[in-house]
PDB file of N, CA and C in Angstrom:
ATOM      1  N   MET A   1       4.553   3.874   3.602  1.00  0.00           N
ATOM      2  CA  MET A   1       5.348   3.765   2.403  1.00  0.00           C
ATOM      3  C   MET A   1       4.685   4.626   1.332  1.00  0.00           C
ATOM      4  N   ALA A   2       5.461   5.445   0.683  1.00  0.00           N
ATOM      5  CA  ALA A   2       4.965   6.277  -0.414  1.00  0.00           C
ATOM      6  C   ALA A   2       5.655   5.829  -1.692  1.00  0.00           C
ATOM      7  N   ILE A   3       4.862   5.530  -2.710  1.00  0.00           N
ATOM      8  CA  ILE A   3       5.405   5.007  -3.964  1.00  0.00           C
ATOM      9  C   ILE A   3       4.906   5.875  -5.106  1.00  0.00           C
ATOM     10  N   SER A   4       5.835   6.425  -5.888  1.00  0.00           N
ATOM     11  CA  SER A   4       5.427   7.213  -7.053  1.00  0.00           C
ATOM     12  C   SER A   4       5.026   6.274  -8.183  1.00  0.00           C
ATOM     13  N   ASN A   5       4.379   6.818  -9.190  1.00  0.00           N
ATOM     14  CA  ASN A   5       3.856   6.017 -10.295  1.00  0.00           C
ATOM     15  C   ASN A   5       4.927   5.214 -11.021  1.00  0.00           C
ATOM     16  N   ASP A   6       6.122   5.753 -11.133  1.00  0.00           N
ATOM     17  CA  ASP A   6       7.180   5.037 -11.847  1.00  0.00           C
ATOM     18  C   ASP A   6       8.094   4.242 -10.911  1.00  0.00           C
ATOM     19  N   GLY A   7       7.770   4.239  -9.622  1.00  0.00           N
ATOM     20  CA  GLY A   7       8.550   3.454  -8.666  1.00  0.00           C
ATOM     21  C   GLY A   7       9.761   4.169  -8.109  1.00  0.00           C
ATOM     22  N   THR A   8      10.020   5.376  -8.581  1.00  0.00           N
ATOM     23  CA  THR A   8      11.169   6.117  -8.073  1.00  0.00           C
ATOM     24  C   THR A   8      10.767   6.957  -6.871  1.00  0.00           C
ATOM     25  N   ALA A   9      11.754   7.479  -6.187  1.00  0.00           N
ATOM     26  CA  ALA A   9      11.542   8.340  -5.023  1.00  0.00           C
ATOM     27  C   ALA A   9      10.603   7.695  -4.016  1.00  0.00           C
ATOM     28  N   THR A  10      10.751   6.403  -3.869  1.00  0.00           N
ATOM     29  CA  THR A  10       9.928   5.667  -2.930  1.00  0.00           C
ATOM     30  C   THR A  10      10.503   5.822  -1.535  1.00  0.00           C
ATOM     31  N   THR A  11       9.649   6.170  -0.586  1.00  0.00           N
ATOM     32  CA  THR A  11      10.093   6.315   0.795  1.00  0.00           C
ATOM     33  C   THR A  11       9.340   5.346   1.686  1.00  0.00           C
ATOM     34  N   TYR A  12      10.013   4.896   2.711  1.00  0.00           N
ATOM     35  CA  TYR A  12       9.454   3.944   3.657  1.00  0.00           C
ATOM     36  C   TYR A  12       9.809   4.429   5.051  1.00  0.00           C
ATOM     37  N   ASP A  13       8.799   4.788   5.815  1.00  0.00           N
ATOM     38  CA  ASP A  13       9.000   5.269   7.176  1.00  0.00           C
ATOM     39  C   ASP A  13       8.659   4.121   8.119  1.00  0.00           C
ATOM     40  N   ALA A  14       9.664   3.340   8.474  1.00  0.00           N
ATOM     41  CA  ALA A  14       9.472   2.146   9.303  1.00  0.00           C
ATOM     42  C   ALA A  14       9.400   2.547  10.763  1.00  0.00           C
ATOM     43  N   GLN A  15       8.261   2.310  11.360  1.00  0.00           N
ATOM     44  CA  GLN A  15       8.084   2.654  12.766  1.00  0.00           C
ATOM     45  C   GLN A  15       7.987   1.371  13.581  1.00  0.00           C
ATOM     46  N   ILE A  16       6.837   1.089  14.125  1.00  0.00           N
ATOM     47  CA  ILE A  16       6.698  -0.110  14.954  1.00  0.00           C
ATOM     48  C   ILE A  16       6.389  -1.326  14.083  1.00  0.00           C
ATOM     49  N   TYR A  17       6.634  -2.505  14.628  1.00  0.00           N
ATOM     50  CA  TYR A  17       6.371  -3.791  13.968  1.00  0.00           C
ATOM     51  C   TYR A  17       7.217  -3.989  12.713  1.00  0.00           C
ATOM     52  N   ASN A  18       8.409  -3.456  12.698  1.00  0.00           N
ATOM     53  CA  ASN A  18       9.339  -3.637  11.589  1.00  0.00           C
ATOM     54  C   ASN A  18      10.688  -4.065  12.146  1.00  0.00           C
ATOM     55  N   SER A  19      11.405  -4.887  11.400  1.00  0.00           N
ATOM     56  CA  SER A  19      12.709  -5.351  11.875  1.00  0.00           C
ATOM     57  C   SER A  19      13.724  -4.212  11.939  1.00  0.00           C
ATOM     58  N   HIS A  20      13.586  -3.222  11.073  1.00  0.00           N
ATOM     59  CA  HIS A  20      14.451  -2.042  11.089  1.00  0.00           C
ATOM     60  C   HIS A  20      13.567  -0.809  11.178  1.00  0.00           C
ATOM     61  N   ARG A  21      13.981   0.132  11.996  1.00  0.00           N
ATOM     62  CA  ARG A  21      13.213   1.370  12.130  1.00  0.00           C
ATOM     63  C   ARG A  21      13.990   2.518  11.518  1.00  0.00           C
ATOM     64  N   GLY A  22      13.260   3.458  10.948  1.00  0.00           N
ATOM     65  CA  GLY A  22      13.893   4.621  10.360  1.00  0.00           C
ATOM     66  C   GLY A  22      13.212   5.032   9.074  1.00  0.00           C
ATOM     67  N   HIS A  23      13.872   5.896   8.338  1.00  0.00           N
ATOM     68  CA  HIS A  23      13.356   6.442   7.084  1.00  0.00           C
ATOM     69  C   HIS A  23      14.264   5.941   5.962  1.00  0.00           C
ATOM     70  N   PHE A  24      13.694   5.230   4.992  1.00  0.00           N
ATOM     71  CA  PHE A  24      14.478   4.584   3.941  1.00  0.00           C
ATOM     72  C   PHE A  24      13.949   4.976   2.564  1.00  0.00           C
ATOM     73  N   ARG A  25      14.813   4.811   1.544  1.00  0.00           N
ATOM     74  CA  ARG A  25      14.446   5.104   0.155  1.00  0.00           C
ATOM     75  C   ARG A  25      14.905   3.961  -0.746  1.00  0.00           C
ATOM     76  N   THR A  26      14.200   3.795  -1.864  1.00  0.00           N
ATOM     77  CA  THR A  26      14.578   2.793  -2.851  1.00  0.00           C
ATOM     78  C   THR A  26      13.880   3.095  -4.172  1.00  0.00           C
ATOM     79  N   ILE A  27      14.130   2.268  -5.153  1.00  0.00           N
ATOM     80  CA  ILE A  27      13.391   2.282  -6.414  1.00  0.00           C
ATOM     81  C   ILE A  27      12.768   0.898  -6.559  1.00  0.00           C
ATOM     82  N   ILE A  28      11.450   0.859  -6.694  1.00  0.00           N
ATOM     83  CA  ILE A  28      10.735  -0.408  -6.837  1.00  0.00           C
ATOM     84  C   ILE A  28      10.997  -0.953  -8.239  1.00  0.00           C
ATOM     85  N   ARG A  29      11.308  -2.239  -8.305  1.00  0.00           N
ATOM     86  CA  ARG A  29      11.579  -2.870  -9.603  1.00  0.00           C
ATOM     87  C   ARG A  29      10.342  -2.818 -10.508  1.00  0.00           C
ATOM     88  N   LYS A  30      10.586  -2.710 -11.818  1.00  0.00           N
ATOM     89  CA  LYS A  30       9.511  -2.542 -12.794  1.00  0.00           C
ATOM     90  C   LYS A  30       8.471  -3.644 -12.705  1.00  0.00           C
ATOM     91  N   GLU A  31       8.891  -4.891 -12.583  1.00  0.00           N
ATOM     92  CA  GLU A  31       7.911  -5.987 -12.556  1.00  0.00           C
ATOM     93  C   GLU A  31       7.012  -5.909 -11.319  1.00  0.00           C
ATOM     94  N   GLN A  32       7.559  -5.425 -10.223  1.00  0.00           N
ATOM     95  CA  GLN A  32       6.738  -5.261  -9.023  1.00  0.00           C
ATOM     96  C   GLN A  32       5.778  -4.082  -9.177  1.00  0.00           C
ATOM     97  N   MET A  33       6.242  -3.006  -9.795  1.00  0.00           N
ATOM     98  CA  MET A  33       5.354  -1.866 -10.047  1.00  0.00           C
ATOM     99  C   MET A  33       4.232  -2.267 -10.993  1.00  0.00           C
ATOM    100  N   ASP A  34       4.563  -3.044 -12.009  1.00  0.00           N
ATOM    101  CA  ASP A  34       3.534  -3.516 -12.937  1.00  0.00           C
ATOM    102  C   ASP A  34       2.494  -4.354 -12.203  1.00  0.00           C
ATOM    103  N   SER A  35       2.949  -5.206 -11.293  1.00  0.00           N
ATOM    104  CA  SER A  35       2.020  -6.027 -10.504  1.00  0.00           C
ATOM    105  C   SER A  35       1.123  -5.152  -9.638  1.00  0.00           C
ATOM    106  N   LEU A  36       1.700  -4.134  -9.013  1.00  0.00           N
ATOM    107  CA  LEU A  36       0.917  -3.242  -8.168  1.00  0.00           C
ATOM    108  C   LEU A  36      -0.125  -2.485  -8.996  1.00  0.00           C
ATOM    109  N   LYS A  37       0.279  -1.973 -10.142  1.00  0.00           N
ATOM    110  CA  LYS A  37      -0.660  -1.246 -10.996  1.00  0.00           C
ATOM    111  C   LYS A  37      -1.806  -2.144 -11.446  1.00  0.00           C
ATOM    112  N   THR A  38      -1.495  -3.392 -11.772  1.00  0.00           N
ATOM    113  CA  THR A  38      -2.534  -4.343 -12.177  1.00  0.00           C
ATOM    114  C   THR A  38      -3.504  -4.611 -11.039  1.00  0.00           C
ATOM    115  N   LEU A  39      -2.971  -4.834  -9.834  1.00  0.00           N
ATOM    116  CA  LEU A  39      -3.841  -5.069  -8.678  1.00  0.00           C
ATOM    117  C   LEU A  39      -4.734  -3.862  -8.404  1.00  0.00           C
ATOM    118  N   LEU A  40      -4.176  -2.662  -8.480  1.00  0.00           N
ATOM    119  CA  LEU A  40      -4.967  -1.453  -8.237  1.00  0.00           C
ATOM    120  C   LEU A  40      -6.063  -1.288  -9.283  1.00  0.00           C
ATOM    121  N   GLN A  41      -5.725  -1.574 -10.529  1.00  0.00           N
ATOM    122  CA  GLN A  41      -6.714  -1.459 -11.597  1.00  0.00           C
ATOM    123  C   GLN A  41      -7.810  -2.507 -11.425  1.00  0.00           C
ATOM    124  N   ASN A  42      -7.436  -3.743 -11.125  1.00  0.00           N
ATOM    125  CA  ASN A  42      -8.418  -4.816 -10.956  1.00  0.00           C
ATOM    126  C   ASN A  42      -9.318  -4.585  -9.747  1.00  0.00           C
ATOM    127  N   ALA A  43      -8.787  -3.942  -8.719  1.00  0.00           N
ATOM    128  CA  ALA A  43      -9.573  -3.680  -7.509  1.00  0.00           C
ATOM    129  C   ALA A  43     -10.559  -2.534  -7.704  1.00  0.00           C
ATOM    130  N   GLU A  44     -10.373  -1.749  -8.756  1.00  0.00           N
ATOM    131  CA  GLU A  44     -11.229  -0.588  -9.000  1.00  0.00           C
ATOM    132  C   GLU A  44     -11.363   0.245  -7.724  1.00  0.00           C
ATOM    133  N   VAL A  45     -10.214   0.666  -7.200  1.00  0.00           N
ATOM    134  CA  VAL A  45     -10.169   1.332  -5.899  1.00  0.00           C
ATOM    135  C   VAL A  45     -11.056   2.574  -5.815  1.00  0.00           C
ATOM    136  N   PHE A  46     -11.291   3.242  -6.916  1.00  0.00           N
ATOM    137  CA  PHE A  46     -12.082   4.471  -6.857  1.00  0.00           C
ATOM    138  C   PHE A  46     -13.571   4.220  -6.622  1.00  0.00           C
ATOM    139  N   ILE A  47     -14.020   2.967  -6.746  1.00  0.00           N
ATOM    140  CA  ILE A  47     -15.420   2.678  -6.431  1.00  0.00           C
ATOM    141  C   ILE A  47     -15.558   1.902  -5.120  1.00  0.00           C
ATOM    142  N   LEU A  48     -14.447   1.609  -4.463  1.00  0.00           N
ATOM    143  CA  LEU A  48     -14.512   0.939  -3.162  1.00  0.00           C
ATOM    144  C   LEU A  48     -14.962   1.928  -2.087  1.00  0.00           C
ATOM    145  N   ASP A  49     -15.431   1.393  -0.970  1.00  0.00           N
ATOM    146  CA  ASP A  49     -15.806   2.239   0.162  1.00  0.00           C
ATOM    147  C   ASP A  49     -14.574   2.969   0.692  1.00  0.00           C
ATOM    148  N   ASP A  50     -14.811   4.055   1.404  1.00  0.00           N
ATOM    149  CA  ASP A  50     -13.716   4.816   2.007  1.00  0.00           C
ATOM    150  C   ASP A  50     -13.244   4.209   3.320  1.00  0.00           C
ATOM    151  N   ASN A  51     -14.118   3.465   3.980  1.00  0.00           N
ATOM    152  CA  ASN A  51     -13.797   2.902   5.294  1.00  0.00           C
ATOM    153  C   ASN A  51     -14.279   1.465   5.409  1.00  0.00           C
ATOM    154  N   TYR A  52     -13.433   0.648   6.021  1.00  0.00           N
ATOM    155  CA  TYR A  52     -13.791  -0.722   6.374  1.00  0.00           C
ATOM    156  C   TYR A  52     -13.356  -0.930   7.814  1.00  0.00           C
ATOM    157  N   SER A  53     -14.197  -1.600   8.599  1.00  0.00           N
ATOM    158  CA  SER A  53     -13.820  -1.841   9.988  1.00  0.00           C
ATOM    159  C   SER A  53     -14.460  -3.122  10.496  1.00  0.00           C
ATOM    160  N   THR A  54     -13.966  -3.567  11.630  1.00  0.00           N
ATOM    161  CA  THR A  54     -14.475  -4.757  12.287  1.00  0.00           C
ATOM    162  C   THR A  54     -14.653  -4.436  13.761  1.00  0.00           C
ATOM    163  N   ILE A  55     -15.443  -5.238  14.459  1.00  0.00           N
ATOM    164  CA  ILE A  55     -15.660  -4.983  15.883  1.00  0.00           C
ATOM    165  C   ILE A  55     -14.563  -5.588  16.747  1.00  0.00           C
ATOM    166  N   VAL A  56     -13.674  -6.345  16.154  1.00  0.00           N
ATOM    167  CA  VAL A  56     -12.560  -6.953  16.871  1.00  0.00           C
ATOM    168  C   VAL A  56     -11.526  -5.868  17.174  1.00  0.00           C
ATOM    169  N   THR A  57     -10.894  -5.941  18.347  1.00  0.00           N
ATOM    170  CA  THR A  57      -9.904  -4.925  18.718  1.00  0.00           C
ATOM    171  C   THR A  57      -8.482  -5.431  18.515  1.00  0.00           C
ATOM    172  N   ASP A  58      -7.538  -4.520  18.622  1.00  0.00           N
ATOM    173  CA  ASP A  58      -6.103  -4.818  18.550  1.00  0.00           C
ATOM    174  C   ASP A  58      -5.668  -5.412  17.217  1.00  0.00           C
ATOM    175  N   HIS A  59      -6.209  -4.883  16.153  1.00  0.00           N
ATOM    176  CA  HIS A  59      -5.803  -5.293  14.814  1.00  0.00           C
ATOM    177  C   HIS A  59      -5.165  -4.100  14.109  1.00  0.00           C
ATOM    178  N   PRO A  60      -4.413  -4.344  13.044  1.00  0.00           N
ATOM    179  CA  PRO A  60      -3.776  -3.226  12.341  1.00  0.00           C
ATOM    180  C   PRO A  60      -4.792  -2.382  11.573  1.00  0.00           C
ATOM    181  N   ARG A  61      -4.416  -1.146  11.358  1.00  0.00           N
ATOM    182  CA  ARG A  61      -5.200  -0.234  10.517  1.00  0.00           C
ATOM    183  C   ARG A  61      -4.314   0.139   9.329  1.00  0.00           C
ATOM    184  N   TYR A  62      -4.859  -0.047   8.141  1.00  0.00           N
ATOM    185  CA  TYR A  62      -4.135   0.306   6.928  1.00  0.00           C
ATOM    186  C   TYR A  62      -4.799   1.526   6.298  1.00  0.00           C
ATOM    187  N   THR A  63      -3.973   2.440   5.828  1.00  0.00           N
ATOM    188  CA  THR A  63      -4.462   3.591   5.080  1.00  0.00           C
ATOM    189  C   THR A  63      -3.825   3.536   3.703  1.00  0.00           C
ATOM    190  N   LEU A  64      -4.657   3.452   2.689  1.00  0.00           N
ATOM    191  CA  LEU A  64      -4.197   3.382   1.311  1.00  0.00           C
ATOM    192  C   LEU A  64      -4.701   4.628   0.596  1.00  0.00           C
ATOM    193  N   THR A  65      -3.779   5.432   0.077  1.00  0.00           N
ATOM    194  CA  THR A  65      -4.152   6.629  -0.676  1.00  0.00           C
ATOM    195  C   THR A  65      -3.613   6.489  -2.088  1.00  0.00           C
ATOM    196  N   ILE A  66      -4.502   6.654  -3.051  1.00  0.00           N
ATOM    197  CA  ILE A  66      -4.158   6.512  -4.464  1.00  0.00           C
ATOM    198  C   ILE A  66      -4.463   7.831  -5.165  1.00  0.00           C
ATOM    199  N   LYS A  67      -3.539   8.270  -5.995  1.00  0.00           N
ATOM    200  CA  LYS A  67      -3.782   9.439  -6.841  1.00  0.00           C
ATOM    201  C   LYS A  67      -3.573   8.997  -8.279  1.00  0.00           C
ATOM    202  N   ASP A  68      -4.609   9.139  -9.111  1.00  0.00           N
ATOM    203  CA  ASP A  68      -4.478   8.689 -10.492  1.00  0.00           C
ATOM    204  C   ASP A  68      -3.904   9.790 -11.382  1.00  0.00           C
ATOM    205  N   LYS A  69      -3.688   9.458 -12.649  1.00  0.00           N
ATOM    206  CA  LYS A  69      -3.048  10.394 -13.574  1.00  0.00           C
ATOM    207  C   LYS A  69      -3.909  11.622 -13.861  1.00  0.00           C
ATOM    208  N   ASN A  70      -5.213  11.546 -13.539  1.00  0.00           N
ATOM    209  CA  ASN A  70      -6.110  12.686 -13.736  1.00  0.00           C
ATOM    210  C   ASN A  70      -6.221  13.560 -12.494  1.00  0.00           C
ATOM    211  N   GLY A  71      -5.478  13.185 -11.437  1.00  0.00           N
ATOM    212  CA  GLY A  71      -5.485  13.974 -10.218  1.00  0.00           C
ATOM    213  C   GLY A  71      -6.525  13.561  -9.186  1.00  0.00           C
ATOM    214  N   ARG A  72      -7.344  12.552  -9.505  1.00  0.00           N
ATOM    215  CA  ARG A  72      -8.317  12.074  -8.518  1.00  0.00           C
ATOM    216  C   ARG A  72      -7.576  11.394  -7.377  1.00  0.00           C
ATOM    217  N   VAL A  73      -8.068  11.603  -6.158  1.00  0.00           N
ATOM    218  CA  VAL A  73      -7.448  11.006  -4.978  1.00  0.00           C
ATOM    219  C   VAL A  73      -8.486  10.163  -4.258  1.00  0.00           C
ATOM    220  N   LYS A  74      -8.079   8.973  -3.862  1.00  0.00           N
ATOM    221  CA  LYS A  74      -8.944   8.071  -3.097  1.00  0.00           C
ATOM    222  C   LYS A  74      -8.156   7.590  -1.891  1.00  0.00           C
ATOM    223  N   THR A  75      -8.742   7.745  -0.700  1.00  0.00           N
ATOM    224  CA  THR A  75      -8.133   7.238   0.520  1.00  0.00           C
ATOM    225  C   THR A  75      -9.070   6.214   1.132  1.00  0.00           C
ATOM    226  N   ILE A  76      -8.510   5.058   1.466  1.00  0.00           N
ATOM    227  CA  ILE A  76      -9.273   3.981   2.094  1.00  0.00           C
ATOM    228  C   ILE A  76      -8.656   3.692   3.449  1.00  0.00           C
ATOM    229  N   GLU A  77      -9.466   3.756   4.494  1.00  0.00           N
ATOM    230  CA  GLU A  77      -9.061   3.367   5.847  1.00  0.00           C
ATOM    231  C   GLU A  77      -9.613   1.967   6.072  1.00  0.00           C
ATOM    232  N   ASP A  78      -8.742   1.038   6.430  1.00  0.00           N
ATOM    233  CA  ASP A  78      -9.150  -0.360   6.565  1.00  0.00           C
ATOM    234  C   ASP A  78      -8.647  -0.907   7.892  1.00  0.00           C
ATOM    235  N   TYR A  79      -9.556  -1.077   8.848  1.00  0.00           N
ATOM    236  CA  TYR A  79      -9.195  -1.614  10.158  1.00  0.00           C
ATOM    237  C   TYR A  79      -9.522  -3.093  10.181  1.00  0.00           C
ATOM    238  N   GLY A  80      -8.559  -3.871  10.558  1.00  0.00           N
ATOM    239  CA  GLY A  80      -8.807  -5.314  10.680  1.00  0.00           C
ATOM    240  C   GLY A  80      -7.739  -6.167  10.037  1.00  0.00           C
ATOM    241  N   PRO A  81      -7.439  -6.064   8.810  1.00  0.00           N
ATOM    242  CA  PRO A  81      -8.199  -5.403   7.752  1.00  0.00           C
ATOM    243  C   PRO A  81      -9.498  -6.157   7.477  1.00  0.00           C
ATOM    244  N   SER A  82     -10.495  -5.436   7.035  1.00  0.00           N
ATOM    245  CA  SER A  82     -11.795  -6.052   6.792  1.00  0.00           C
ATOM    246  C   SER A  82     -12.370  -5.691   5.430  1.00  0.00           C
ATOM    247  N   GLY A  83     -11.558  -5.102   4.572  1.00  0.00           N
ATOM    248  CA  GLY A  83     -11.995  -4.758   3.224  1.00  0.00           C
ATOM    249  C   GLY A  83     -12.038  -5.986   2.329  1.00  0.00           C
ATOM    250  N   PRO A  84     -12.373  -5.795   1.065  1.00  0.00           N
ATOM    251  CA  PRO A  84     -12.459  -6.912   0.122  1.00  0.00           C
ATOM    252  C   PRO A  84     -11.097  -7.565  -0.135  1.00  0.00           C
ATOM    253  N   ASP A  85     -11.147  -8.770  -0.669  1.00  0.00           N
ATOM    254  CA  ASP A  85      -9.927  -9.540  -0.948  1.00  0.00           C
ATOM    255  C   ASP A  85      -8.950  -8.784  -1.840  1.00  0.00           C
ATOM    256  N   GLU A  86      -9.469  -7.971  -2.748  1.00  0.00           N
ATOM    257  CA  GLU A  86      -8.595  -7.214  -3.646  1.00  0.00           C
ATOM    258  C   GLU A  86      -7.665  -6.293  -2.859  1.00  0.00           C
ATOM    259  N   LEU A  87      -8.179  -5.695  -1.790  1.00  0.00           N
ATOM    260  CA  LEU A  87      -7.330  -4.838  -0.959  1.00  0.00           C
ATOM    261  C   LEU A  87      -6.261  -5.656  -0.249  1.00  0.00           C
ATOM    262  N   GLU A  88      -6.629  -6.823   0.235  1.00  0.00           N
ATOM    263  CA  GLU A  88      -5.662  -7.690   0.920  1.00  0.00           C
ATOM    264  C   GLU A  88      -4.500  -8.044  -0.006  1.00  0.00           C
ATOM    265  N   LYS A  89      -4.790  -8.287  -1.273  1.00  0.00           N
ATOM    266  CA  LYS A  89      -3.733  -8.591  -2.247  1.00  0.00           C
ATOM    267  C   LYS A  89      -2.803  -7.389  -2.432  1.00  0.00           C
ATOM    268  N   ILE A  90      -3.379  -6.197  -2.454  1.00  0.00           N
ATOM    269  CA  ILE A  90      -2.573  -4.976  -2.579  1.00  0.00           C
ATOM    270  C   ILE A  90      -1.675  -4.812  -1.362  1.00  0.00           C
ATOM    271  N   TYR A  91      -2.246  -4.975  -0.169  1.00  0.00           N
ATOM    272  CA  TYR A  91      -1.451  -4.859   1.060  1.00  0.00           C
ATOM    273  C   TYR A  91      -0.317  -5.878   1.068  1.00  0.00           C
ATOM    274  N   ASP A  92      -0.633  -7.123   0.706  1.00  0.00           N
ATOM    275  CA  ASP A  92       0.391  -8.174   0.715  1.00  0.00           C
ATOM    276  C   ASP A  92       1.552  -7.822  -0.207  1.00  0.00           C
ATOM    277  N   LEU A  93       1.238  -7.325  -1.397  1.00  0.00           N
ATOM    278  CA  LEU A  93       2.303  -6.962  -2.335  1.00  0.00           C
ATOM    279  C   LEU A  93       3.130  -5.802  -1.783  1.00  0.00           C
ATOM    280  N   ILE A  94       2.465  -4.782  -1.268  1.00  0.00           N
ATOM    281  CA  ILE A  94       3.200  -3.637  -0.722  1.00  0.00           C
ATOM    282  C   ILE A  94       4.078  -4.074   0.445  1.00  0.00           C
ATOM    283  N   PHE A  95       3.548  -4.924   1.327  1.00  0.00           N
ATOM    284  CA  PHE A  95       4.359  -5.415   2.441  1.00  0.00           C
ATOM    285  C   PHE A  95       5.542  -6.243   1.953  1.00  0.00           C
ATOM    286  N   SER A  96       5.387  -6.946   0.843  1.00  0.00           N
ATOM    287  CA  SER A  96       6.505  -7.736   0.312  1.00  0.00           C
ATOM    288  C   SER A  96       7.646  -6.840  -0.154  1.00  0.00           C
ATOM    289  N   PHE A  97       7.345  -5.585  -0.489  1.00  0.00           N
ATOM    290  CA  PHE A  97       8.385  -4.649  -0.904  1.00  0.00           C
ATOM    291  C   PHE A  97       9.403  -4.419   0.210  1.00  0.00           C
ATOM    292  N   ARG A  98       8.986  -4.551   1.464  1.00  0.00           N
ATOM    293  CA  ARG A  98       9.912  -4.322   2.584  1.00  0.00           C
ATOM    294  C   ARG A  98      11.119  -5.250   2.501  1.00  0.00           C
ATOM    295  N   ASP A  99      10.887  -6.497   2.103  1.00  0.00           N
ATOM    296  CA  ASP A  99      11.963  -7.484   2.060  1.00  0.00           C
ATOM    297  C   ASP A  99      12.546  -7.680   0.667  1.00  0.00           C
ATOM    298  N   ALA A 100      11.811  -7.284  -0.366  1.00  0.00           N
ATOM    299  CA  ALA A 100      12.236  -7.552  -1.741  1.00  0.00           C
ATOM    300  C   ALA A 100      13.057  -6.422  -2.352  1.00  0.00           C
ATOM    301  N   GLN A 101      13.245  -5.341  -1.617  1.00  0.00           N
ATOM    302  CA  GLN A 101      13.973  -4.189  -2.133  1.00  0.00           C
ATOM    303  C   GLN A 101      15.218  -3.943  -1.296  1.00  0.00           C
ATOM    304  N   SER A 102      16.138  -3.207  -1.868  1.00  0.00           N
ATOM    305  CA  SER A 102      17.317  -2.764  -1.134  1.00  0.00           C
ATOM    306  C   SER A 102      17.052  -1.333  -0.667  1.00  0.00           C
ATOM    307  N   TRP A 103      16.736  -1.190   0.620  1.00  0.00           N
ATOM    308  CA  TRP A 103      16.398   0.112   1.189  1.00  0.00           C
ATOM    309  C   TRP A 103      17.643   0.776   1.760  1.00  0.00           C
ATOM    310  N   LYS A 104      17.780   2.075   1.536  1.00  0.00           N
ATOM    311  CA  LYS A 104      18.947   2.816   2.037  1.00  0.00           C
ATOM    312  C   LYS A 104      18.498   4.028   2.817  1.00  0.00           C
TER     313      LYS A 104
END
C-alpha cells in the first residue's frame, strides 16, 4: 500500500492473503491520516533500526518506507513482526485501511 502525505493517490496492490486481489485506489479519510501521522511521529521512525527479525519461520515480513517533508527516506524491514510496539500500532492502522476505505 502506498499512501501520500495528504491521503490522496493511495494505491493498494492486493496480492496473497487478501479477500480481494488486484490493484486498487482510494483517498484515506482525514481522521485516519491524522492518526497515522501521529503514530509515525510518536514512533520516531527515523531513529528506529532498519531491520527486525525473529528466528521463527513462516511469519509475515513487513516493509515500511517513510519519506518526510525534507526528503529523508527511512525503510524498515520487519520479519515476524518483531519490531517495537510502536511499529505494530502503525501496521494495525494501515491494515485497517483495507476494510475502512472504499477501494476502486
